[in-house]
Amino acid sequence: MSEYPYEGKIHSDDKVNYSTVYSSDGIRIGKVEAAFAESFIVKNEMENKEVKYEIPRLDIVSIIKGSITLKLKKSDVDQYYETSSINKI
């Protein structure tokens, strides 16, 4: 079994893969780590913390040149779609 949890589930030709995601108020959320049929996983690595979000594709406003803009503000993304938060040592 692979240590990468999304092995075999990622569609490599999906246009959301590897894109940088921004909230409607222009704040960087992170980079797309995996894309699924109805949602995508976004990973944000900070200095001492890693946060992941699972965001529905229906919340995308635009995809332009490797950049995704969402319908929601950063605070709403944190409230509704944050799936994990890990403090790094």
PDB file of N, CA and C in Angstrom:
ATOM      1  N   MET A   1       0.840  -1.193   0.000  1.00  0.00           N
ATOM      2  CA  MET A   1       0.000   0.000   0.000  1.00  0.00           C
ATOM      3  C   MET A   1       0.879   1.248   0.000  1.00  0.00           C
ATOM      4  N   SER A   2       0.510   2.181  -0.809  1.00  0.00           N
ATOM      5  CA  SER A   2       1.253   3.427  -0.922  1.00  0.00           C
ATOM      6  C   SER A   2       1.029   4.300   0.304  1.00  0.00           C
ATOM      7  N   GLU A   3       2.036   5.102   0.644  1.00  0.00           N
ATOM      8  CA  GLU A   3       1.880   6.036   1.757  1.00  0.00           C
ATOM      9  C   GLU A   3       1.129   7.286   1.330  1.00  0.00           C
ATOM     10  N   TYR A   4       1.007   7.499   0.034  1.00  0.00           N
ATOM     11  CA  TYR A   4       0.271   8.655  -0.467  1.00  0.00           C
ATOM     12  C   TYR A   4      -1.206   8.292  -0.529  1.00  0.00           C
ATOM     13  N   PRO A   5      -2.076   8.941   0.248  1.00  0.00           N
ATOM     14  CA  PRO A   5      -3.469   8.501   0.384  1.00  0.00           C
ATOM     15  C   PRO A   5      -4.322   8.627  -0.877  1.00  0.00           C
ATOM     16  N   TYR A   6      -3.883   9.399  -1.877  1.00  0.00           N
ATOM     17  CA  TYR A   6      -4.699   9.624  -3.061  1.00  0.00           C
ATOM     18  C   TYR A   6      -4.214   8.820  -4.265  1.00  0.00           C
ATOM     19  N   GLU A   7      -3.311   7.873  -4.045  1.00  0.00           N
ATOM     20  CA  GLU A   7      -2.765   7.036  -5.120  1.00  0.00           C
ATOM     21  C   GLU A   7      -3.907   6.367  -5.886  1.00  0.00           C
ATOM     22  N   GLY A   8      -3.908   6.507  -7.189  1.00  0.00           N
ATOM     23  CA  GLY A   8      -4.922   5.883  -8.019  1.00  0.00           C
ATOM     24  C   GLY A   8      -6.246   6.624  -8.091  1.00  0.00           C
ATOM     25  N   LYS A   9      -6.399   7.720  -7.362  1.00  0.00           N
ATOM     26  CA  LYS A   9      -7.658   8.467  -7.350  1.00  0.00           C
ATOM     27  C   LYS A   9      -7.554   9.800  -8.089  1.00  0.00           C
ATOM     28  N   ILE A  10      -6.345  10.183  -8.469  1.00  0.00           N
ATOM     29  CA  ILE A  10      -6.132  11.493  -9.076  1.00  0.00           C
ATOM     30  C   ILE A  10      -6.206  11.386 -10.593  1.00  0.00           C
ATOM     31  N   HIS A  11      -6.935  12.287 -11.207  1.00  0.00           N
ATOM     32  CA  HIS A  11      -7.003  12.361 -12.656  1.00  0.00           C
ATOM     33  C   HIS A  11      -5.921  13.354 -13.098  1.00  0.00           C
ATOM     34  N   SER A  12      -4.799  12.853 -13.633  1.00  0.00           N
ATOM     35  CA  SER A  12      -3.645  13.705 -13.902  1.00  0.00           C
ATOM     36  C   SER A  12      -3.916  14.778 -14.954  1.00  0.00           C
ATOM     37  N   ASP A  13      -4.882  14.565 -15.825  1.00  0.00           N
ATOM     38  CA  ASP A  13      -5.163  15.561 -16.857  1.00  0.00           C
ATOM     39  C   ASP A  13      -6.234  16.570 -16.421  1.00  0.00           C
ATOM     40  N   ASP A  14      -6.675  16.491 -15.178  1.00  0.00           N
ATOM     41  CA  ASP A  14      -7.682  17.410 -14.653  1.00  0.00           C
ATOM     42  C   ASP A  14      -7.092  18.818 -14.554  1.00  0.00           C
ATOM     43  N   LYS A  15      -7.812  19.817 -15.034  1.00  0.00           N
ATOM     44  CA  LYS A  15      -7.259  21.181 -15.072  1.00  0.00           C
ATOM     45  C   LYS A  15      -7.110  21.837 -13.702  1.00  0.00           C
ATOM     46  N   VAL A  16      -7.708  21.282 -12.649  1.00  0.00           N
ATOM     47  CA  VAL A  16      -7.521  21.872 -11.327  1.00  0.00           C
ATOM     48  C   VAL A  16      -6.231  21.396 -10.650  1.00  0.00           C
ATOM     49  N   ASN A  17      -5.673  20.285 -11.094  1.00  0.00           N
ATOM     50  CA  ASN A  17      -4.457  19.762 -10.465  1.00  0.00           C
ATOM     51  C   ASN A  17      -3.326  20.787 -10.463  1.00  0.00           C
ATOM     52  N   TYR A  18      -2.659  20.868  -9.327  1.00  0.00           N
ATOM     53  CA  TYR A  18      -1.473  21.713  -9.128  1.00  0.00           C
ATOM     54  C   TYR A  18      -1.773  23.207  -9.210  1.00  0.00           C
ATOM     55  N   SER A  19      -3.031  23.600  -9.234  1.00  0.00           N
ATOM     56  CA  SER A  19      -3.385  25.015  -9.274  1.00  0.00           C
ATOM     57  C   SER A  19      -3.293  25.623  -7.879  1.00  0.00           C
ATOM     58  N   THR A  20      -3.082  26.927  -7.837  1.00  0.00           N
ATOM     59  CA  THR A  20      -3.117  27.665  -6.579  1.00  0.00           C
ATOM     60  C   THR A  20      -4.539  28.176  -6.388  1.00  0.00           C
ATOM     61  N   VAL A  21      -5.060  28.025  -5.167  1.00  0.00           N
ATOM     62  CA  VAL A  21      -6.450  28.366  -4.881  1.00  0.00           C
ATOM     63  C   VAL A  21      -6.516  29.640  -4.043  1.00  0.00           C
ATOM     64  N   TYR A  22      -7.413  30.553  -4.449  1.00  0.00           N
ATOM     65  CA  TYR A  22      -7.615  31.823  -3.753  1.00  0.00           C
ATOM     66  C   TYR A  22      -9.080  31.971  -3.361  1.00  0.00           C
ATOM     67  N   SER A  23      -9.325  32.620  -2.238  1.00  0.00           N
ATOM     68  CA  SER A  23     -10.694  32.907  -1.806  1.00  0.00           C
ATOM     69  C   SER A  23     -11.226  34.104  -2.588  1.00  0.00           C
ATOM     70  N   SER A  24     -12.506  34.393  -2.446  1.00  0.00           N
ATOM     71  CA  SER A  24     -13.114  35.521  -3.159  1.00  0.00           C
ATOM     72  C   SER A  24     -12.547  36.864  -2.716  1.00  0.00           C
ATOM     73  N   ASP A  25     -11.991  36.907  -1.490  1.00  0.00           N
ATOM     74  CA  ASP A  25     -11.382  38.150  -1.015  1.00  0.00           C
ATOM     75  C   ASP A  25      -9.879  38.195  -1.296  1.00  0.00           C
ATOM     76  N   GLY A  26      -9.386  37.312  -2.189  1.00  0.00           N
ATOM     77  CA  GLY A  26      -8.012  37.380  -2.678  1.00  0.00           C
ATOM     78  C   GLY A  26      -6.953  36.737  -1.805  1.00  0.00           C
ATOM     79  N   ILE A  27      -7.333  36.010  -0.788  1.00  0.00           N
ATOM     80  CA  ILE A  27      -6.372  35.375   0.116  1.00  0.00           C
ATOM     81  C   ILE A  27      -6.015  33.986  -0.416  1.00  0.00           C
ATOM     82  N   ARG A  28      -4.718  33.687  -0.420  1.00  0.00           N
ATOM     83  CA  ARG A  28      -4.245  32.384  -0.906  1.00  0.00           C
ATOM     84  C   ARG A  28      -4.650  31.296   0.079  1.00  0.00           C
ATOM     85  N   ILE A  29      -5.349  30.261  -0.424  1.00  0.00           N
ATOM     86  CA  ILE A  29      -5.783  29.133   0.399  1.00  0.00           C
ATOM     87  C   ILE A  29      -4.714  28.040   0.398  1.00  0.00           C
ATOM     88  N   GLY A  30      -4.125  27.755  -0.765  1.00  0.00           N
ATOM     89  CA  GLY A  30      -3.101  26.724  -0.887  1.00  0.00           C
ATOM     90  C   GLY A  30      -3.041  26.181  -2.299  1.00  0.00           C
ATOM     91  N   LYS A  31      -2.423  24.993  -2.455  1.00  0.00           N
ATOM     92  CA  LYS A  31      -2.297  24.351  -3.766  1.00  0.00           C
ATOM     93  C   LYS A  31      -3.127  23.082  -3.784  1.00  0.00           C
ATOM     94  N   VAL A  32      -3.680  22.773  -4.963  1.00  0.00           N
ATOM     95  CA  VAL A  32      -4.465  21.554  -5.121  1.00  0.00           C
ATOM     96  C   VAL A  32      -3.535  20.349  -5.014  1.00  0.00           C
ATOM     97  N   GLU A  33      -3.891  19.438  -4.121  1.00  0.00           N
ATOM     98  CA  GLU A  33      -3.111  18.226  -3.909  1.00  0.00           C
ATOM     99  C   GLU A  33      -3.725  17.037  -4.649  1.00  0.00           C
ATOM    100  N   ALA A  34      -5.044  16.993  -4.730  1.00  0.00           N
ATOM    101  CA  ALA A  34      -5.736  15.901  -5.407  1.00  0.00           C
ATOM    102  C   ALA A  34      -7.079  16.397  -5.915  1.00  0.00           C
ATOM    103  N   ALA A  35      -7.478  15.886  -7.085  1.00  0.00           N
ATOM    104  CA  ALA A  35      -8.752  16.274  -7.672  1.00  0.00           C
ATOM    105  C   ALA A  35      -9.641  15.050  -7.829  1.00  0.00           C
ATOM    106  N   PHE A  36     -10.879  15.185  -7.402  1.00  0.00           N
ATOM    107  CA  PHE A  36     -11.862  14.118  -7.513  1.00  0.00           C
ATOM    108  C   PHE A  36     -13.016  14.608  -8.378  1.00  0.00           C
ATOM    109  N   ALA A  37     -13.976  13.759  -8.635  1.00  0.00           N
ATOM    110  CA  ALA A  37     -15.085  14.108  -9.525  1.00  0.00           C
ATOM    111  C   ALA A  37     -15.887  15.311  -9.028  1.00  0.00           C
ATOM    112  N   GLU A  38     -16.172  15.377  -7.729  1.00  0.00           N
ATOM    113  CA  GLU A  38     -17.028  16.448  -7.218  1.00  0.00           C
ATOM    114  C   GLU A  38     -16.328  17.425  -6.279  1.00  0.00           C
ATOM    115  N   SER A  39     -15.061  17.151  -5.932  1.00  0.00           N
ATOM    116  CA  SER A  39     -14.335  18.027  -5.007  1.00  0.00           C
ATOM    117  C   SER A  39     -12.834  17.933  -5.288  1.00  0.00           C
ATOM    118  N   PHE A  40     -12.077  18.729  -4.547  1.00  0.00           N
ATOM    119  CA  PHE A  40     -10.618  18.667  -4.646  1.00  0.00           C
ATOM    120  C   PHE A  40     -10.022  18.987  -3.281  1.00  0.00           C
ATOM    121  N   ILE A  41      -8.839  18.433  -3.035  1.00  0.00           N
ATOM    122  CA  ILE A  41      -8.135  18.624  -1.770  1.00  0.00           C
ATOM    123  C   ILE A  41      -7.090  19.723  -1.966  1.00  0.00           C
ATOM    124  N   VAL A  42      -7.099  20.688  -1.063  1.00  0.00           N
ATOM    125  CA  VAL A  42      -6.141  21.794  -1.092  1.00  0.00           C
ATOM    126  C   VAL A  42      -5.270  21.694   0.146  1.00  0.00           C
ATOM    127  N   LYS A  43      -3.967  21.830  -0.057  1.00  0.00           N
ATOM    128  CA  LYS A  43      -3.002  21.754   1.034  1.00  0.00           C
ATOM    129  C   LYS A  43      -2.292  23.096   1.169  1.00  0.00           C
ATOM    130  N   ASN A  44      -2.238  23.599   2.401  1.00  0.00           N
ATOM    131  CA  ASN A  44      -1.531  24.844   2.690  1.00  0.00           C
ATOM    132  C   ASN A  44      -0.485  24.555   3.747  1.00  0.00           C
ATOM    133  N   GLU A  45       0.786  24.703   3.373  1.00  0.00           N
ATOM    134  CA  GLU A  45       1.872  24.489   4.324  1.00  0.00           C
ATOM    135  C   GLU A  45       2.407  25.834   4.771  1.00  0.00           C
ATOM    136  N   MET A  46       2.342  26.042   6.069  1.00  0.00           N
ATOM    137  CA  MET A  46       2.877  27.251   6.666  1.00  0.00           C
ATOM    138  C   MET A  46       4.145  26.882   7.434  1.00  0.00           C
ATOM    139  N   GLU A  47       4.729  27.842   8.077  1.00  0.00           N
ATOM    140  CA  GLU A  47       5.989  27.636   8.788  1.00  0.00           C
ATOM    141  C   GLU A  47       5.921  26.481   9.787  1.00  0.00           C
ATOM    142  N   ASN A  48       4.887  26.415  10.592  1.00  0.00           N
ATOM    143  CA  ASN A  48       4.806  25.373  11.616  1.00  0.00           C
ATOM    144  C   ASN A  48       3.456  24.648  11.623  1.00  0.00           C
ATOM    145  N   LYS A  49       2.727  24.726  10.497  1.00  0.00           N
ATOM    146  CA  LYS A  49       1.395  24.135  10.450  1.00  0.00           C
ATOM    147  C   LYS A  49       1.053  23.699   9.022  1.00  0.00           C
ATOM    148  N   GLU A  50       0.293  22.618   8.914  1.00  0.00           N
ATOM    149  CA  GLU A  50      -0.214  22.160   7.623  1.00  0.00           C
ATOM    150  C   GLU A  50      -1.729  22.056   7.732  1.00  0.00           C
ATOM    151  N   VAL A  51      -2.433  22.696   6.805  1.00  0.00           N
ATOM    152  CA  VAL A  51      -3.893  22.684   6.817  1.00  0.00           C
ATOM    153  C   VAL A  51      -4.373  22.111   5.487  1.00  0.00           C
ATOM    154  N   LYS A  52      -5.418  21.266   5.554  1.00  0.00           N
ATOM    155  CA  LYS A  52      -6.015  20.708   4.342  1.00  0.00           C
ATOM    156  C   LYS A  52      -7.507  21.024   4.313  1.00  0.00           C
ATOM    157  N   TYR A  53      -7.987  21.213   3.105  1.00  0.00           N
ATOM    158  CA  TYR A  53      -9.389  21.522   2.861  1.00  0.00           C
ATOM    159  C   TYR A  53      -9.914  20.582   1.782  1.00  0.00           C
ATOM    160  N   GLU A  54     -11.174  20.187   1.888  1.00  0.00           N
ATOM    161  CA  GLU A  54     -11.834  19.493   0.784  1.00  0.00           C
ATOM    162  C   GLU A  54     -12.939  20.419   0.305  1.00  0.00           C
ATOM    163  N   ILE A  55     -12.765  20.935  -0.909  1.00  0.00           N
ATOM    164  CA  ILE A  55     -13.640  21.980  -1.442  1.00  0.00           C
ATOM    165  C   ILE A  55     -14.448  21.432  -2.620  1.00  0.00           C
ATOM    166  N   PRO A  56     -15.769  21.615  -2.599  1.00  0.00           N
ATOM    167  CA  PRO A  56     -16.595  21.173  -3.727  1.00  0.00           C
ATOM    168  C   PRO A  56     -16.283  21.981  -4.988  1.00  0.00           C
ATOM    169  N   ARG A  57     -16.308  21.316  -6.126  1.00  0.00           N
ATOM    170  CA  ARG A  57     -16.073  22.017  -7.395  1.00  0.00           C
ATOM    171  C   ARG A  57     -17.127  23.093  -7.649  1.00  0.00           C
ATOM    172  N   LEU A  58     -18.300  22.950  -7.086  1.00  0.00           N
ATOM    173  CA  LEU A  58     -19.357  23.934  -7.292  1.00  0.00           C
ATOM    174  C   LEU A  58     -19.004  25.306  -6.714  1.00  0.00           C
ATOM    175  N   ASP A  59     -17.998  25.376  -5.846  1.00  0.00           N
ATOM    176  CA  ASP A  59     -17.586  26.648  -5.260  1.00  0.00           C
ATOM    177  C   ASP A  59     -16.510  27.372  -6.074  1.00  0.00           C
ATOM    178  N   ILE A  60     -16.168  26.843  -7.238  1.00  0.00           N
ATOM    179  CA  ILE A  60     -15.189  27.498  -8.113  1.00  0.00           C
ATOM    180  C   ILE A  60     -15.891  28.576  -8.938  1.00  0.00           C
ATOM    181  N   VAL A  61     -15.303  29.781  -8.952  1.00  0.00           N
ATOM    182  CA  VAL A  61     -15.807  30.857  -9.796  1.00  0.00           C
ATOM    183  C   VAL A  61     -15.061  30.850 -11.126  1.00  0.00           C
ATOM    184  N   SER A  62     -13.714  30.701 -11.044  1.00  0.00           N
ATOM    185  CA  SER A  62     -12.924  30.717 -12.274  1.00  0.00           C
ATOM    186  C   SER A  62     -11.636  29.914 -12.122  1.00  0.00           C
ATOM    187  N   ILE A  63     -11.162  29.416 -13.254  1.00  0.00           N
ATOM    188  CA  ILE A  63      -9.858  28.751 -13.347  1.00  0.00           C
ATOM    189  C   ILE A  63      -9.129  29.427 -14.495  1.00  0.00           C
ATOM    190  N   ILE A  64      -8.063  30.159 -14.167  1.00  0.00           N
ATOM    191  CA  ILE A  64      -7.305  30.886 -15.179  1.00  0.00           C
ATOM    192  C   ILE A  64      -5.819  30.653 -14.958  1.00  0.00           C
ATOM    193  N   LYS A  65      -5.161  30.046 -15.933  1.00  0.00           N
ATOM    194  CA  LYS A  65      -3.702  29.843 -15.929  1.00  0.00           C
ATOM    195  C   LYS A  65      -3.172  29.346 -14.591  1.00  0.00           C
ATOM    196  N   GLY A  66      -3.665  28.221 -14.135  1.00  0.00           N
ATOM    197  CA  GLY A  66      -3.159  27.622 -12.906  1.00  0.00           C
ATOM    198  C   GLY A  66      -3.598  28.306 -11.618  1.00  0.00           C
ATOM    199  N   SER A  67      -4.627  29.112 -11.708  1.00  0.00           N
ATOM    200  CA  SER A  67      -5.131  29.826 -10.542  1.00  0.00           C
ATOM    201  C   SER A  67      -6.649  29.626 -10.443  1.00  0.00           C
ATOM    202  N   ILE A  68      -7.109  29.184  -9.274  1.00  0.00           N
ATOM    203  CA  ILE A  68      -8.528  28.964  -9.039  1.00  0.00           C
ATOM    204  C   ILE A  68      -9.034  30.014  -8.056  1.00  0.00           C
ATOM    205  N   THR A  69     -10.157  30.634  -8.382  1.00  0.00           N
ATOM    206  CA  THR A  69     -10.802  31.570  -7.468  1.00  0.00           C
ATOM    207  C   THR A  69     -12.126  30.954  -7.018  1.00  0.00           C
ATOM    208  N   LEU A  70     -12.364  31.024  -5.724  1.00  0.00           N
ATOM    209  CA  LEU A  70     -13.578  30.451  -5.137  1.00  0.00           C
ATOM    210  C   LEU A  70     -14.649  31.508  -4.926  1.00  0.00           C
ATOM    211  N   LYS A  71     -15.892  31.063  -4.679  1.00  0.00           N
ATOM    212  CA  LYS A  71     -17.015  31.947  -4.381  1.00  0.00           C
ATOM    213  C   LYS A  71     -16.963  32.471  -2.947  1.00  0.00           C
ATOM    214  N   LEU A  72     -16.261  31.755  -2.074  1.00  0.00           N
ATOM    215  CA  LEU A  72     -16.287  32.045  -0.638  1.00  0.00           C
ATOM    216  C   LEU A  72     -15.109  32.876  -0.154  1.00  0.00           C
ATOM    217  N   LYS A  73     -15.325  33.588   0.931  1.00  0.00           N
ATOM    218  CA  LYS A  73     -14.249  34.306   1.609  1.00  0.00           C
ATOM    219  C   LYS A  73     -13.405  33.302   2.391  1.00  0.00           C
ATOM    220  N   LYS A  74     -12.194  33.696   2.751  1.00  0.00           N
ATOM    221  CA  LYS A  74     -11.263  32.823   3.481  1.00  0.00           C
ATOM    222  C   LYS A  74     -11.875  32.300   4.775  1.00  0.00           C
ATOM    223  N   SER A  75     -12.544  33.142   5.526  1.00  0.00           N
ATOM    224  CA  SER A  75     -13.135  32.718   6.793  1.00  0.00           C
ATOM    225  C   SER A  75     -14.193  31.632   6.587  1.00  0.00           C
ATOM    226  N   ASP A  76     -14.948  31.718   5.501  1.00  0.00           N
ATOM    227  CA  ASP A  76     -15.956  30.697   5.192  1.00  0.00           C
ATOM    228  C   ASP A  76     -15.307  29.383   4.767  1.00  0.00           C
ATOM    229  N   VAL A  77     -14.238  29.470   3.995  1.00  0.00           N
ATOM    230  CA  VAL A  77     -13.505  28.265   3.583  1.00  0.00           C
ATOM    231  C   VAL A  77     -12.970  27.556   4.824  1.00  0.00           C
ATOM    232  N   ASP A  78     -12.387  28.318   5.750  1.00  0.00           N
ATOM    233  CA  ASP A  78     -11.879  27.734   7.001  1.00  0.00           C
ATOM    234  C   ASP A  78     -13.001  27.072   7.795  1.00  0.00           C
ATOM    235  N   GLN A  79     -14.124  27.736   7.875  1.00  0.00           N
ATOM    236  CA  GLN A  79     -15.237  27.242   8.684  1.00  0.00           C
ATOM    237  C   GLN A  79     -15.887  25.991   8.095  1.00  0.00           C
ATOM    238  N   TYR A  80     -16.106  25.965   6.789  1.00  0.00           N
ATOM    239  CA  TYR A  80     -16.882  24.888   6.189  1.00  0.00           C
ATOM    240  C   TYR A  80     -16.061  23.745   5.593  1.00  0.00           C
ATOM    241  N   TYR A  81     -14.839  24.008   5.133  1.00  0.00           N
ATOM    242  CA  TYR A  81     -14.124  22.991   4.351  1.00  0.00           C
ATOM    243  C   TYR A  81     -12.798  22.514   4.924  1.00  0.00           C
ATOM    244  N   GLU A  82     -12.347  23.073   6.036  1.00  0.00           N
ATOM    245  CA  GLU A  82     -11.100  22.588   6.625  1.00  0.00           C
ATOM    246  C   GLU A  82     -11.317  21.162   7.141  1.00  0.00           C
ATOM    247  N   THR A  83     -10.462  20.244   6.702  1.00  0.00           N
ATOM    248  CA  THR A  83     -10.608  18.841   7.105  1.00  0.00           C
ATOM    249  C   THR A  83      -9.544  18.424   8.108  1.00  0.00           C
ATOM    250  N   SER A  84      -8.382  19.072   8.090  1.00  0.00           N
ATOM    251  CA  SER A  84      -7.355  18.735   9.069  1.00  0.00           C
ATOM    252  C   SER A  84      -6.393  19.895   9.252  1.00  0.00           C
ATOM    253  N   SER A  85      -5.807  19.925  10.438  1.00  0.00           N
ATOM    254  CA  SER A  85      -4.824  20.937  10.785  1.00  0.00           C
ATOM    255  C   SER A  85      -3.782  20.249  11.664  1.00  0.00           C
ATOM    256  N   ILE A  86      -2.532  20.253  11.200  1.00  0.00           N
ATOM    257  CA  ILE A  86      -1.475  19.546  11.900  1.00  0.00           C
ATOM    258  C   ILE A  86      -0.354  20.522  12.234  1.00  0.00           C
ATOM    259  N   ASN A  87       0.013  20.596  13.503  1.00  0.00           N
ATOM    260  CA  ASN A  87       1.151  21.413  13.904  1.00  0.00           C
ATOM    261  C   ASN A  87       2.423  20.610  13.643  1.00  0.00           C
ATOM    262  N   LYS A  88       3.396  21.279  13.001  1.00  0.00           N
ATOM    263  CA  LYS A  88       4.678  20.635  12.710  1.00  0.00           C
ATOM    264  C   LYS A  88       5.652  20.926  13.855  1.00  0.00           C
ATOM    265  N   ILE A  89       6.496  19.983  14.091  1.00  0.00           N
ATOM    266  CA  ILE A  89       7.494  20.162  15.163  1.00  0.00           C
ATOM    267  C   ILE A  89       8.746  20.787  14.615  1.00  0.00           C
TER     268      ILE A  89
END
